[in-house]
Every structure is written in C-alpha cells, then in structure tokens.
Amino acid sequence: MFHLPAKYNHYCEVTRTNRYTYDIHELTDGALFLQNEAVGCRNGLQIVAMSPEESNPWDCAVITGVSVWRSGHIGILAQDAEAQLMLVDVLVAESHIGINLNFFKTYENMFTAVIGSTIIGSLSIHENGHCNDLTDSAYYRSKQCQAFTQSDPFGLSKSCRSVVSDMYRRVGIMVSQWTNKARTCVIDGTTAQCIPPVTPERLCSLPFEKRFGLPMDIAYAEQLIYDTSFYGFTSKVFANTSGITGQCIPGELNDRSVAISINPSQIDWQPNIIMSGLGFIDTDQRSRLGLDPGKGEFYYACLNMKPCDGHNVILLHDLDGSVNPTKVPGHMAYNNPAYVAPYPYCFEVPELTEGLFMCPSTITVDAVAKTGFRQYSGLWRDWGPQVIQPIVTTRILDDETAKNRTFAAFGPIKDFICSKRGYFSRFPLLIAVGKHHKIMSTGKIPNEFLIRFDAPSV
C-alpha cells in the first residue's frame, strides 16, 4: 500500500454518482511493491493500521499489483483503515470472501473503490456433485472457509462460521463498512499491553467482517466498483438423487455464490454502491448481487426488534447498465417498494433478485426528476433516553395519477453482544431529486434534529 501524492487526492473524493474518471498510471506508478502473491492463506492480504497517526482521513492510499488465491476466509481484508482506500488492478480468486474493507475514521465524506480488477469465484463449475476443480485442491461443501470467531479465536474449527456461511459459498466483493469503534487494540487504545497491534479489542468483534460499532454520524459514504470483471459466480439447485457421486456432493440442495454482496451483519446502514464498466463471465444474473439478509442471526435480530435500515434502505447506482438486465443506466433500490416511483418509471427486476426495483434514467426526459434519489442522513443528537423513531419520509410526486411514496427509517439497533452503548438516532433518508418531502417523527419530538443535504453543485 502507498499513499498517493497530495495532488492526486481528488481520486478519493466522493462522486455523488457523477462520472468518475481516472488515469491508471497516476494511480499505480508510485507503487513500491508489485507482483505480490498469496496462496492458500487464512487471509491473503491484511491491511492494518499500526498507529493512529499513520494516515489522515483524507489521504488517498492505493493497493495494486496483488494476486490472492484460495484464501480460507478473506482474500483482501482491511481493519481500522483511516485513509481512503483504492484497490487497483488486483486479482482475487476462489476465496470465501474476496474483498472486505473495514474503516474506522471520522470524516464527512468516505470513499473506497475497486478499479480495473479481476474477481474469480470458481475457476471451474461443479456439476452434479463431481469435482472438476484444479488438481492441487478440491472444494468440499461446508468446509469452504475457516474463520476466526469469538468461540474459536484460534481458528481451529473445521466448520465455516463467517457472517455469510449460511448464505453463500463465495462472495467476490463484500460492501465496505465505516464504524465508530476500532477493532484492534492499537487503534482503540484501551488495552495496556497490545501485542501484536492487530489483537482484537474484544473477541466479540470476530469474525473480521462482522459489524462492530455503529455508523459514523451523518457521514456520506460511497463504494465504487469500476471496470472490474467477475468470473465463475453461480447459483445452482442440485437434485438430491442417489445417482450423484463424487467428493463435491453438496450438503445442501442450494449452492450459491455472488459477485457483490452487502454485509448482512451491517444491519444499520449501507453505503451508496456505484458501479460502471462491470463484466460478468460464467456468472448467472442471479449471482451478480447478493442483497438478501439470509435467515441467520442478523435476520432474526431485525425480525425480533424492528426493520433494519441496513437491509431495507439499499441504493445501487448502475451508471452504464452493465449490471442490470435492461442494460440501461439507472439506479436500483432493494426491498423498498413503497418508496420507488410507480411503473413505468420503476419496476421490479427479479432476474437479479426478488425485491429489487430498477429505475432507468433514460425512459423519458422527466425520468430523473421522477425516479432519482440519493441517500442522506438525519441525526438526532439530543440527550436522554428518548425514542423518536421511526422517521417517516414522504415524497410528494405532484402527479394526480400516482400516490405519494412513503418509507420509514428506524435507526441503529443495539448490538446486545458487543455494544458498550445503547441506541442513538441516526437515520438514512432517501431524498429524491427536485421533489418536496415531508419528514415526520413518530415518537418524541427532539429539541434538535440535523439533516445532511449536499447541494448538487457541491
């Protein structure tokens, strides 16, 4: 990893869905280490901060020229990163989770990107239980990963206990998270003896990709994925017949891998996901995006408490139509049919996943005004144990033939296992471009309520 010169820090500025341009030579010419390769590791490349003063939150850091093969847990992992991180021209193949970047920082605009890279799920496709993989390794169902966990901090268990182990065989890119709590003892600064510096502050933060801490106030965050190819991500349903033989017999009837996935443990909030120039080779349409929260502990935490904004307020921007089946630019909203504009401006695209709505930006000249919206945040910083959620946002369509669109944001859910603090009121709000909105608290009215809104010219 190396920091770009300050004159290139603009490469790590948020785009707010405007077109992102870059010069690959300016991003990679300063690299000090190239052609590094990790094969068969637990975590292939681990990016960690060794001191709180190592980076500024506005620094732009690049990781390039790295190849990672068959990591048992995560191919490229970042913990407590403070600089804005870019992965440029990296190769990650056949890892349980290809890329997962976690940040601990205080900054109003947060950015990370994967650019010009290749992400491989499987180099060969398993048919009817037969293993056609390379000769140096074989895939065994339920033994596809090995993670450090709270109950198994030394990683000795032979079972997979990652946050997606009940959902996917492999994930290409798991969407990044930014939280207000450091994972490692050296950055957290609360442990007197911190050897090695990457020692977890508490074991309940494991596995490494698990949500730890709460979202960062009203910061705006983007996950960019540009000019990247995904190969060999498939979703299959196997027939449970006695005629199947071979060591790759699935332990379950469903076997699914996805190219891009949300983090199901990040139940409070997801960043804006902005994509362009993506290629999918030997990848099912239903394996492009993994937005389902699954049926594990995080799903039931939301089900028992209240709806989770991190599972319901998900906004994806497909700038060139390379992701969605219509092949036209637009944005997609997941599991929120009450808020998207009515047909024909928005419509469901079950080819990608059930509950995903596509809003093309090329239907009519007026389409952007009717369908376009961005994710901002409302923050209540009043003192005391008051509860004001849910915050209900109503978008006024100004259309006599259509009803107004309404959705509710419930705010963060307390982590009963690991949290040292209770609730605080931070609400992701979807604000439509050029439209009037009504925002209403259904609980106690706070003395102060701050809503972030960036003007289009910012």
Foldseek 3Di string as FASTA:
>chain_A
DDWQPPVPLVLFFDDLQDDRDDDLCSQPVPDPDAQAEAEAAQEAAEAEDQAPPPDAQSIEDEDERYEYEQHQAEHYEYFQDRYAYEYEAYHFEQYQEYYEYEHAYADQEHEYEYEQYEFENAPDDDDLQAFPHDPVDTDAAQQSHFFQALVRNVRPDSGDDALCSQPARHERHEAYAYANAGQFCNHNVPDPDRPPRRHGPHRNCPPVRADDHAHHFFHAYEYEYEQYEYEDWEKAFHDPDPPRDYRRNHPHRIHGAAYYEYRLNNQADGHEYEYENYHYYNYFLQRHYHLDSHDDDSVVLCVVPHHTCHNFFYKYWYQQQNRAPVRATWMKGFQFVLAFADPPQKDDRCSHNPRIITGGPPPDVCSLQRGPWDKTKKFADADDDWAFDFKKKWWDRPDPVDDIGIDTWRGDQDDVPRDPDGGGHMTIDIGGPPIDMDIGTPTDDGPDMDIDDDPPVD
